[in-house]
Amino acid sequence: MKSIRYFVLALLFAPLPLAAAAEDCGTAGSTAAKPLSFAVTDANSGQALSMTIIVGMTREMKNHHLGLKVDDPRCAAASVSIGTLRFVVRADDMSAWPRTAGENFEAILATTLRPAAASRLVSGFVVSRTAGAPSLTRVDPADVVYMLAGRTADRHVWSIYGFYDAIPDTPRLARMMCQAAVGSLPAAAQFETETQGVTFADVSALSSFADRGGTPGPCSVGPPP
């Protein structure tokens, strides 16, 4: 599929708290969490999925609409290594990025919304801004999903690898985050932080991610330091 680029302006939203239960420091995750695959078949579906990615990468947006913290997770949940590389996975289920790996965020798991819901959120903002009023778009907790991304050699560019319907259990997710951190997973898209642009180059990678979402991979998981 030919690369398609989507851009939106930086968004500011009015608050809408979303109740969420955090246990301990958010390290448990769910063994029932499943990888998701979103189809990009035309410009409309590509535009909708780009909104999912942008919502995921914009922490302030989720602070307003989901009641999530913009602070980075601080609780060390696990350590993960491959060869001579070692990353600490940090966790906080109430953070906009509830899982991070590495001191420089080599990989993250970001809270976001399914494409239709993300599109409604952005559309509601545009209408509200035109009317000079705060956005009142409501968020259904059932639309919340989680996106795995890894930072590339260009620190302003992130690779988007796939999505989960819930935060996976720490051992499984830590291995996937390790693979994302070293770039050993096929990337479906890229997000540029400076322009908030999304580029789709290989959307078939989303299906590949869904197929291998539970595969341990070459990384080893250990206790936190």
C-alpha atoms as a PDB file:
ATOM      1  CA  MET A   1       0.000   0.000   0.000  1.00  0.00           C
ATOM      2  CA  LYS A   2       1.353   3.418  -0.898  1.00  0.00           C
ATOM      3  CA  SER A   3       2.497   5.501   2.069  1.00  0.00           C
ATOM      4  CA  ILE A   4      -0.195   7.878   3.276  1.00  0.00           C
ATOM      5  CA  ARG A   5       0.514  10.811   5.582  1.00  0.00           C
ATOM      6  CA  TYR A   6      -1.959  12.453   7.926  1.00  0.00           C
ATOM      7  CA  PHE A   7      -1.513  15.564  10.021  1.00  0.00           C
ATOM      8  CA  VAL A   8      -3.498  17.342  12.721  1.00  0.00           C
ATOM      9  CA  LEU A   9      -2.803  20.418  14.815  1.00  0.00           C
ATOM     10  CA  ALA A  10      -1.899  20.030  18.472  1.00  0.00           C
ATOM     11  CA  LEU A  11      -5.161  19.449  20.346  1.00  0.00           C
ATOM     12  CA  LEU A  12      -6.433  20.683  23.695  1.00  0.00           C
ATOM     13  CA  PHE A  13      -9.500  19.085  25.239  1.00  0.00           C
ATOM     14  CA  ALA A  14     -11.788  19.751  28.204  1.00  0.00           C
ATOM     15  CA  PRO A  15     -11.659  17.207  31.058  1.00  0.00           C
ATOM     16  CA  LEU A  16     -13.747  14.061  31.204  1.00  0.00           C
ATOM     17  CA  PRO A  17     -12.604  11.657  33.942  1.00  0.00           C
ATOM     18  CA  LEU A  18     -12.612   7.946  33.181  1.00  0.00           C
ATOM     19  CA  ALA A  19     -12.743   5.691  36.183  1.00  0.00           C
ATOM     20  CA  ALA A  20     -10.047   3.035  36.222  1.00  0.00           C
ATOM     21  CA  ALA A  21      -8.895   0.645  38.872  1.00  0.00           C
ATOM     22  CA  ALA A  22      -5.167   0.548  39.560  1.00  0.00           C
ATOM     23  CA  GLU A  23      -3.737  -2.268  41.672  1.00  0.00           C
ATOM     24  CA  ASP A  24      -0.477  -1.811  43.526  1.00  0.00           C
ATOM     25  CA  CYS A  25       1.584   0.362  41.179  1.00  0.00           C
ATOM     26  CA  GLY A  26      -0.061  -0.951  38.012  1.00  0.00           C
ATOM     27  CA  THR A  27       2.318  -3.807  37.309  1.00  0.00           C
ATOM     28  CA  ALA A  28      -0.067  -6.734  36.960  1.00  0.00           C
ATOM     29  CA  GLY A  29      -1.598  -6.430  33.503  1.00  0.00           C
ATOM     30  CA  SER A  30      -3.877  -9.122  32.127  1.00  0.00           C
ATOM     31  CA  THR A  31      -3.056 -12.573  30.840  1.00  0.00           C
ATOM     32  CA  ALA A  32      -6.296 -12.325  28.818  1.00  0.00           C
ATOM     33  CA  ALA A  33      -5.182  -9.221  26.889  1.00  0.00           C
ATOM     34  CA  LYS A  34      -5.373  -9.853  23.129  1.00  0.00           C
ATOM     35  CA  PRO A  35      -3.558  -8.166  20.237  1.00  0.00           C
ATOM     36  CA  LEU A  36      -5.801  -6.293  17.805  1.00  0.00           C
ATOM     37  CA  SER A  37      -5.601  -5.786  14.056  1.00  0.00           C
ATOM     38  CA  PHE A  38      -7.166  -2.713  12.421  1.00  0.00           C
ATOM     39  CA  ALA A  39      -7.644  -2.827   8.644  1.00  0.00           C
ATOM     40  CA  VAL A  40      -6.541   0.099   6.478  1.00  0.00           C
ATOM     41  CA  THR A  41      -8.351  -0.376   3.180  1.00  0.00           C
ATOM     42  CA  ASP A  42      -8.843   3.191   1.967  1.00  0.00           C
ATOM     43  CA  ALA A  43      -8.185   6.831   2.826  1.00  0.00           C
ATOM     44  CA  ASN A  44     -11.041   6.972   5.339  1.00  0.00           C
ATOM     45  CA  SER A  45      -9.899   3.979   7.375  1.00  0.00           C
ATOM     46  CA  GLY A  46      -6.326   5.253   7.190  1.00  0.00           C
ATOM     47  CA  GLN A  47      -7.421   8.661   8.473  1.00  0.00           C
ATOM     48  CA  ALA A  48      -9.338   7.032  11.344  1.00  0.00           C
ATOM     49  CA  LEU A  49      -6.394   4.861  12.399  1.00  0.00           C
ATOM     50  CA  SER A  50      -4.089   7.874  12.214  1.00  0.00           C
ATOM     51  CA  MET A  51      -6.320   9.521  14.833  1.00  0.00           C
ATOM     52  CA  THR A  52      -5.861   6.458  17.061  1.00  0.00           C
ATOM     53  CA  ILE A  53      -2.089   6.844  16.764  1.00  0.00           C
ATOM     54  CA  ILE A  54      -2.141  10.603  17.400  1.00  0.00           C
ATOM     55  CA  VAL A  55      -4.369  10.215  20.468  1.00  0.00           C
ATOM     56  CA  GLY A  56      -1.973   7.548  21.734  1.00  0.00           C
ATOM     57  CA  MET A  57       1.107   9.702  21.320  1.00  0.00           C
ATOM     58  CA  THR A  58      -0.417  12.875  22.812  1.00  0.00           C
ATOM     59  CA  ARG A  59      -0.355  12.525  26.577  1.00  0.00           C
ATOM     60  CA  GLU A  60      -2.045  15.858  27.386  1.00  0.00           C
ATOM     61  CA  MET A  61      -5.070  14.813  25.332  1.00  0.00           C
ATOM     62  CA  LYS A  62      -5.661  11.781  27.532  1.00  0.00           C
ATOM     63  CA  ASN A  63      -5.148  13.797  30.684  1.00  0.00           C
ATOM     64  CA  HIS A  64      -8.152  15.926  29.695  1.00  0.00           C
ATOM     65  CA  HIS A  65     -10.478  13.272  28.337  1.00  0.00           C
ATOM     66  CA  LEU A  66      -9.495  10.096  30.168  1.00  0.00           C
ATOM     67  CA  GLY A  67      -8.325  11.549  33.465  1.00  0.00           C
ATOM     68  CA  LEU A  68      -4.891   9.924  33.029  1.00  0.00           C
ATOM     69  CA  LYS A  69      -1.664  11.385  34.392  1.00  0.00           C
ATOM     70  CA  VAL A  70       0.903  12.938  32.060  1.00  0.00           C
ATOM     71  CA  ASP A  71       3.629  11.852  34.504  1.00  0.00           C
ATOM     72  CA  ASP A  72       5.878   8.999  33.416  1.00  0.00           C
ATOM     73  CA  PRO A  73       5.567   5.645  35.226  1.00  0.00           C
ATOM     74  CA  ARG A  74       8.076   5.310  38.072  1.00  0.00           C
ATOM     75  CA  CYS A  75       7.437   1.843  39.452  1.00  0.00           C
ATOM     76  CA  ALA A  76      10.004  -0.688  38.197  1.00  0.00           C
ATOM     77  CA  ALA A  77       7.968  -3.726  37.129  1.00  0.00           C
ATOM     78  CA  ALA A  78      10.615  -5.856  35.428  1.00  0.00           C
ATOM     79  CA  SER A  79      13.952  -5.865  33.682  1.00  0.00           C
ATOM     80  CA  VAL A  80      14.323  -7.229  30.166  1.00  0.00           C
ATOM     81  CA  SER A  81      17.457  -7.950  28.172  1.00  0.00           C
ATOM     82  CA  ILE A  82      18.686  -9.073  24.786  1.00  0.00           C
ATOM     83  CA  GLY A  83      22.405  -9.623  24.239  1.00  0.00           C
ATOM     84  CA  THR A  84      24.230  -6.835  26.071  1.00  0.00           C
ATOM     85  CA  LEU A  85      21.200  -4.511  26.069  1.00  0.00           C
ATOM     86  CA  ARG A  86      19.054  -4.225  29.190  1.00  0.00           C
ATOM     87  CA  PHE A  87      15.910  -2.181  29.788  1.00  0.00           C
ATOM     88  CA  VAL A  88      13.836  -1.512  32.885  1.00  0.00           C
ATOM     89  CA  VAL A  89      10.078  -1.715  32.310  1.00  0.00           C
ATOM     90  CA  ARG A  90       8.215   0.827  34.442  1.00  0.00           C
ATOM     91  CA  ALA A  91       4.488   0.740  35.137  1.00  0.00           C
ATOM     92  CA  ASP A  92       1.582   2.885  36.269  1.00  0.00           C
ATOM     93  CA  ASP A  93      -1.882   1.982  35.005  1.00  0.00           C
ATOM     94  CA  MET A  94      -3.070   5.565  35.515  1.00  0.00           C
ATOM     95  CA  SER A  95      -0.371   7.132  33.329  1.00  0.00           C
ATOM     96  CA  ALA A  96      -1.170   8.147  29.764  1.00  0.00           C
ATOM     97  CA  TRP A  97       1.753   5.891  28.832  1.00  0.00           C
ATOM     98  CA  PRO A  98       1.141   3.100  31.381  1.00  0.00           C
ATOM     99  CA  ARG A  99       4.275   1.144  30.424  1.00  0.00           C
ATOM    100  CA  THR A 100       7.697   2.402  29.364  1.00  0.00           C
ATOM    101  CA  ALA A 101      10.949   0.543  28.671  1.00  0.00           C
ATOM    102  CA  GLY A 102      14.360   2.160  28.974  1.00  0.00           C
ATOM    103  CA  GLU A 103      15.496   5.417  30.520  1.00  0.00           C
ATOM    104  CA  ASN A 104      14.965   7.232  27.220  1.00  0.00           C
ATOM    105  CA  PHE A 105      11.623   5.553  26.487  1.00  0.00           C
ATOM    106  CA  GLU A 106      13.003   3.209  23.857  1.00  0.00           C
ATOM    107  CA  ALA A 107       9.534   1.590  23.874  1.00  0.00           C
ATOM    108  CA  ILE A 108       6.140   2.561  25.290  1.00  0.00           C
ATOM    109  CA  LEU A 109       2.664   1.143  25.682  1.00  0.00           C
ATOM    110  CA  ALA A 110       0.272   4.086  25.205  1.00  0.00           C
ATOM    111  CA  THR A 111      -3.410   4.377  26.065  1.00  0.00           C
ATOM    112  CA  THR A 112      -5.524   5.365  23.064  1.00  0.00           C
ATOM    113  CA  LEU A 113      -8.962   4.872  21.469  1.00  0.00           C
ATOM    114  CA  ARG A 114     -10.344   2.672  18.721  1.00  0.00           C
ATOM    115  CA  PRO A 115     -10.348   4.435  15.321  1.00  0.00           C
ATOM    116  CA  ALA A 116     -14.037   5.434  15.258  1.00  0.00           C
ATOM    117  CA  ALA A 117     -13.874   6.825  18.797  1.00  0.00           C
ATOM    118  CA  ALA A 118     -10.600   8.644  18.140  1.00  0.00           C
ATOM    119  CA  SER A 119     -12.114  10.221  15.029  1.00  0.00           C
ATOM    120  CA  ARG A 120     -15.174  11.385  17.008  1.00  0.00           C
ATOM    121  CA  LEU A 121     -12.919  12.918  19.619  1.00  0.00           C
ATOM    122  CA  VAL A 122     -10.972  14.906  17.043  1.00  0.00           C
ATOM    123  CA  SER A 123     -14.121  15.851  15.138  1.00  0.00           C
ATOM    124  CA  GLY A 124     -15.763  17.056  18.349  1.00  0.00           C
ATOM    125  CA  PHE A 125     -12.755  19.240  19.066  1.00  0.00           C
ATOM    126  CA  VAL A 126     -12.857  20.830  15.615  1.00  0.00           C
ATOM    127  CA  VAL A 127     -16.595  21.603  15.905  1.00  0.00           C
ATOM    128  CA  SER A 128     -16.174  22.947  19.444  1.00  0.00           C
ATOM    129  CA  ARG A 129     -13.234  25.140  18.479  1.00  0.00           C
ATOM    130  CA  THR A 130     -15.201  26.603  15.583  1.00  0.00           C
ATOM    131  CA  ALA A 131     -18.069  27.390  17.987  1.00  0.00           C
ATOM    132  CA  GLY A 132     -15.681  28.843  20.560  1.00  0.00           C
ATOM    133  CA  ALA A 133     -16.708  26.304  23.219  1.00  0.00           C
ATOM    134  CA  PRO A 134     -14.878  23.492  25.048  1.00  0.00           C
ATOM    135  CA  SER A 135     -15.095  19.984  23.610  1.00  0.00           C
ATOM    136  CA  LEU A 136     -17.812  17.884  25.255  1.00  0.00           C
ATOM    137  CA  THR A 137     -17.082  14.649  23.384  1.00  0.00           C
ATOM    138  CA  ARG A 138     -17.647  11.703  25.712  1.00  0.00           C
ATOM    139  CA  VAL A 139     -15.427   8.640  25.830  1.00  0.00           C
ATOM    140  CA  ASP A 140     -16.788   5.111  26.258  1.00  0.00           C
ATOM    141  CA  PRO A 141     -14.390   2.971  28.344  1.00  0.00           C
ATOM    142  CA  ALA A 142     -15.055   0.116  25.888  1.00  0.00           C
ATOM    143  CA  ASP A 143     -13.261   2.155  23.206  1.00  0.00           C
ATOM    144  CA  VAL A 144      -9.996   2.334  25.167  1.00  0.00           C
ATOM    145  CA  VAL A 145      -7.132   0.278  23.671  1.00  0.00           C
ATOM    146  CA  TYR A 146      -3.339   0.209  24.038  1.00  0.00           C
ATOM    147  CA  MET A 147      -0.658   0.880  21.430  1.00  0.00           C
ATOM    148  CA  LEU A 148       2.913  -0.466  21.350  1.00  0.00           C
ATOM    149  CA  ALA A 149       5.479   1.959  19.924  1.00  0.00           C
ATOM    150  CA  GLY A 150       9.268   2.194  19.818  1.00  0.00           C
ATOM    151  CA  ARG A 151      11.555   5.179  19.376  1.00  0.00           C
ATOM    152  CA  THR A 152      13.710   5.110  16.233  1.00  0.00           C
ATOM    153  CA  ALA A 153      17.273   6.326  15.739  1.00  0.00           C
ATOM    154  CA  ASP A 154      15.712   9.683  14.869  1.00  0.00           C
ATOM    155  CA  ARG A 155      14.521  10.573  18.377  1.00  0.00           C
ATOM    156  CA  HIS A 156      11.575  12.564  16.967  1.00  0.00           C
ATOM    157  CA  VAL A 157      10.179   9.554  15.101  1.00  0.00           C
ATOM    158  CA  TRP A 158       8.348   6.583  16.630  1.00  0.00           C
ATOM    159  CA  SER A 159       7.558   3.242  15.007  1.00  0.00           C
ATOM    160  CA  ILE A 160       4.042   1.935  15.645  1.00  0.00           C
ATOM    161  CA  TYR A 161       3.930  -1.851  15.989  1.00  0.00           C
ATOM    162  CA  GLY A 162       0.433  -2.839  17.082  1.00  0.00           C
ATOM    163  CA  PHE A 163      -2.437  -2.671  19.547  1.00  0.00           C
ATOM    164  CA  TYR A 164      -3.899  -4.584  22.503  1.00  0.00           C
ATOM    165  CA  ASP A 165      -7.418  -4.598  23.936  1.00  0.00           C
ATOM    166  CA  ALA A 166      -5.999  -4.391  27.483  1.00  0.00           C
ATOM    167  CA  ILE A 167      -2.630  -4.003  29.197  1.00  0.00           C
ATOM    168  CA  PRO A 168      -0.932  -7.403  28.856  1.00  0.00           C
ATOM    169  CA  ASP A 169       0.666  -9.231  31.771  1.00  0.00           C
ATOM    170  CA  THR A 170       4.162  -7.994  32.547  1.00  0.00           C
ATOM    171  CA  PRO A 171       6.263 -10.993  31.366  1.00  0.00           C
ATOM    172  CA  ARG A 172       4.579 -11.127  27.948  1.00  0.00           C
ATOM    173  CA  LEU A 173       4.495  -7.361  27.441  1.00  0.00           C
ATOM    174  CA  ALA A 174       8.084  -6.882  28.606  1.00  0.00           C
ATOM    175  CA  ARG A 175       9.316  -9.227  25.864  1.00  0.00           C
ATOM    176  CA  MET A 176       7.307  -7.388  23.214  1.00  0.00           C
ATOM    177  CA  MET A 177       8.558  -4.018  24.492  1.00  0.00           C
ATOM    178  CA  CYS A 178      12.119  -5.314  24.315  1.00  0.00           C
ATOM    179  CA  GLN A 179      11.578  -6.274  20.679  1.00  0.00           C
ATOM    180  CA  ALA A 180      10.032  -2.862  20.006  1.00  0.00           C
ATOM    181  CA  ALA A 181      12.975  -1.128  21.702  1.00  0.00           C
ATOM    182  CA  VAL A 182      15.518  -2.834  19.418  1.00  0.00           C
ATOM    183  CA  GLY A 183      13.315  -2.536  16.320  1.00  0.00           C
ATOM    184  CA  SER A 184      13.013  -6.267  15.662  1.00  0.00           C
ATOM    185  CA  LEU A 185       9.248  -6.126  15.032  1.00  0.00           C
ATOM    186  CA  PRO A 186       7.740  -5.105  11.650  1.00  0.00           C
ATOM    187  CA  ALA A 187       6.473  -1.515  11.896  1.00  0.00           C
ATOM    188  CA  ALA A 188       3.018  -0.648  10.581  1.00  0.00           C
ATOM    189  CA  ALA A 189       3.425   3.139  10.743  1.00  0.00           C
ATOM    190  CA  GLN A 190       5.588   5.979  11.957  1.00  0.00           C
ATOM    191  CA  PHE A 191       4.673   9.021  14.038  1.00  0.00           C
ATOM    192  CA  GLU A 192       6.669  12.260  13.878  1.00  0.00           C
ATOM    193  CA  THR A 193       6.490  14.240  17.117  1.00  0.00           C
ATOM    194  CA  GLU A 194       7.454  17.586  15.570  1.00  0.00           C
ATOM    195  CA  THR A 195       4.673  17.564  12.950  1.00  0.00           C
ATOM    196  CA  GLN A 196       2.241  15.078  14.539  1.00  0.00           C
ATOM    197  CA  GLY A 197       2.320  13.324  11.177  1.00  0.00           C
ATOM    198  CA  VAL A 198       1.460   9.659  10.696  1.00  0.00           C
ATOM    199  CA  THR A 199       2.924   7.653   7.817  1.00  0.00           C
ATOM    200  CA  PHE A 200       1.592   4.205   6.909  1.00  0.00           C
ATOM    201  CA  ALA A 201       4.088   2.112   4.994  1.00  0.00           C
ATOM    202  CA  ASP A 202       3.238  -1.514   5.835  1.00  0.00           C
ATOM    203  CA  VAL A 203      -0.240  -1.888   7.329  1.00  0.00           C
ATOM    204  CA  SER A 204       0.014  -5.666   6.891  1.00  0.00           C
ATOM    205  CA  ALA A 205       2.333  -5.510   9.917  1.00  0.00           C
ATOM    206  CA  LEU A 206      -0.779  -5.028  12.063  1.00  0.00           C
ATOM    207  CA  SER A 207      -1.983  -8.494  11.125  1.00  0.00           C
ATOM    208  CA  SER A 208       1.511  -9.841  11.710  1.00  0.00           C
ATOM    209  CA  PHE A 209       1.524  -8.242  15.153  1.00  0.00           C
ATOM    210  CA  ALA A 210      -1.829  -9.820  15.973  1.00  0.00           C
ATOM    211  CA  ASP A 211      -0.475 -13.195  14.919  1.00  0.00           C
ATOM    212  CA  ARG A 212       2.664 -12.941  17.052  1.00  0.00           C
ATOM    213  CA  GLY A 213       1.259 -10.868  19.930  1.00  0.00           C
ATOM    214  CA  GLY A 214       1.898 -13.640  22.427  1.00  0.00           C
ATOM    215  CA  THR A 215       5.199 -14.856  21.014  1.00  0.00           C
ATOM    216  CA  PRO A 216       7.992 -14.566  23.587  1.00  0.00           C
ATOM    217  CA  GLY A 217      10.726 -13.579  21.116  1.00  0.00           C
ATOM    218  CA  PRO A 218      14.480 -13.543  21.890  1.00  0.00           C
ATOM    219  CA  CYS A 219      14.353 -11.281  24.979  1.00  0.00           C
ATOM    220  CA  SER A 220      14.755 -12.476  28.573  1.00  0.00           C
ATOM    221  CA  VAL A 221      12.634 -11.085  31.419  1.00  0.00           C
ATOM    222  CA  GLY A 222      13.852 -10.795  35.001  1.00  0.00           C
ATOM    223  CA  PRO A 223      12.875  -9.084  38.238  1.00  0.00           C
ATOM    224  CA  PRO A 224      13.145  -5.299  38.517  1.00  0.00           C
ATOM    225  CA  PRO A 225      16.500  -3.917  39.658  1.00  0.00           C
END
